[in-house]
PDB file of N, CA and C in Angstrom:
ATOM      1  N   MET A   1     -33.482  21.813 -31.729  1.00  0.00           N
ATOM      2  CA  MET A   1     -33.949  21.594 -30.355  1.00  0.00           C
ATOM      3  C   MET A   1     -35.033  22.623 -30.031  1.00  0.00           C
ATOM      4  N   GLY A   2     -36.259  22.248 -30.237  1.00  0.00           N
ATOM      5  CA  GLY A   2     -37.339  23.198 -29.980  1.00  0.00           C
ATOM      6  C   GLY A   2     -38.681  22.531 -30.210  1.00  0.00           C
ATOM      7  N   LEU A   3     -38.953  22.240 -31.467  1.00  0.00           N
ATOM      8  CA  LEU A   3     -40.233  21.610 -31.799  1.00  0.00           C
ATOM      9  C   LEU A   3     -40.309  20.223 -31.179  1.00  0.00           C
ATOM     10  N   LEU A   4     -39.209  19.498 -31.292  1.00  0.00           N
ATOM     11  CA  LEU A   4     -39.167  18.146 -30.735  1.00  0.00           C
ATOM     12  C   LEU A   4     -39.363  18.187 -29.227  1.00  0.00           C
ATOM     13  N   PHE A   5     -38.575  19.060 -28.592  1.00  0.00           N
ATOM     14  CA  PHE A   5     -38.663  19.187 -27.143  1.00  0.00           C
ATOM     15  C   PHE A   5     -40.055  19.652 -26.722  1.00  0.00           C
ATOM     16  N   ASN A   6     -40.594  20.582 -27.514  1.00  0.00           N
ATOM     17  CA  ASN A   6     -41.920  21.126 -27.231  1.00  0.00           C
ATOM     18  C   ASN A   6     -42.956  20.004 -27.242  1.00  0.00           C
ATOM     19  N   ALA A   7     -42.887  19.165 -28.260  1.00  0.00           N
ATOM     20  CA  ALA A   7     -43.843  18.063 -28.389  1.00  0.00           C
ATOM     21  C   ALA A   7     -43.690  17.096 -27.221  1.00  0.00           C
ATOM     22  N   ILE A   8     -42.457  16.784 -26.870  1.00  0.00           N
ATOM     23  CA  ILE A   8     -42.212  15.849 -25.766  1.00  0.00           C
ATOM     24  C   ILE A   8     -42.725  16.436 -24.454  1.00  0.00           C
ATOM     25  N   SER A   9     -42.423  17.713 -24.259  1.00  0.00           N
ATOM     26  CA  SER A   9     -42.842  18.390 -23.025  1.00  0.00           C
ATOM     27  C   SER A   9     -44.367  18.394 -22.934  1.00  0.00           C
ATOM     28  N   PHE A  10     -45.004  18.678 -24.071  1.00  0.00           N
ATOM     29  CA  PHE A  10     -46.466  18.731 -24.093  1.00  0.00           C
ATOM     30  C   PHE A  10     -47.064  17.367 -23.726  1.00  0.00           C
ATOM     31  N   LEU A  11     -46.544  16.323 -24.373  1.00  0.00           N
ATOM     32  CA  LEU A  11     -47.041  14.980 -24.098  1.00  0.00           C
ATOM     33  C   LEU A  11     -46.759  14.595 -22.653  1.00  0.00           C
ATOM     34  N   ASP A  12     -45.555  14.922 -22.191  1.00  0.00           N
ATOM     35  CA  ASP A  12     -45.165  14.595 -20.826  1.00  0.00           C
ATOM     36  C   ASP A  12     -46.110  15.266 -19.835  1.00  0.00           C
ATOM     37  N   HIS A  13     -46.403  16.533 -20.079  1.00  0.00           N
ATOM     38  CA  HIS A  13     -47.271  17.288 -19.192  1.00  0.00           C
ATOM     39  C   HIS A  13     -48.680  16.692 -19.197  1.00  0.00           C
ATOM     40  N   GLN A  14     -49.149  16.353 -20.385  1.00  0.00           N
ATOM     41  CA  GLN A  14     -50.500  15.792 -20.505  1.00  0.00           C
ATOM     42  C   GLN A  14     -50.569  14.448 -19.774  1.00  0.00           C
ATOM     43  N   HIS A  15     -49.539  13.632 -19.941  1.00  0.00           N
ATOM     44  CA  HIS A  15     -49.498  12.323 -19.311  1.00  0.00           C
ATOM     45  C   HIS A  15     -49.519  12.454 -17.781  1.00  0.00           C
ATOM     46  N   GLY A  16     -48.684  13.362 -17.291  1.00  0.00           N
ATOM     47  CA  GLY A  16     -48.598  13.570 -15.848  1.00  0.00           C
ATOM     48  C   GLY A  16     -49.934  14.047 -15.296  1.00  0.00           C
ATOM     49  N   ALA A  17     -50.584  14.966 -16.001  1.00  0.00           N
ATOM     50  CA  ALA A  17     -51.860  15.511 -15.553  1.00  0.00           C
ATOM     51  C   ALA A  17     -52.916  14.408 -15.569  1.00  0.00           C
ATOM     52  N   ASN A  18     -52.836  13.548 -16.589  1.00  0.00           N
ATOM     53  CA  ASN A  18     -53.813  12.480 -16.724  1.00  0.00           C
ATOM     54  C   ASN A  18     -53.658  11.475 -15.580  1.00  0.00           C
ATOM     55  N   GLN A  19     -52.396  11.190 -15.226  1.00  0.00           N
ATOM     56  CA  GLN A  19     -52.135  10.217 -14.162  1.00  0.00           C
ATOM     57  C   GLN A  19     -52.392  10.846 -12.788  1.00  0.00           C
ATOM     58  N   GLY A  20     -51.916  12.081 -12.643  1.00  0.00           N
ATOM     59  CA  GLY A  20     -52.044  12.761 -11.345  1.00  0.00           C
ATOM     60  C   GLY A  20     -53.418  13.364 -11.248  1.00  0.00           C
TER      61      GLY A  20
END
């Protein structure tokens, strides 16, 4: 639980920033 979460968090953050 680290790299996977990190990747998801990164993508999630990028997606949110892109939409918002």
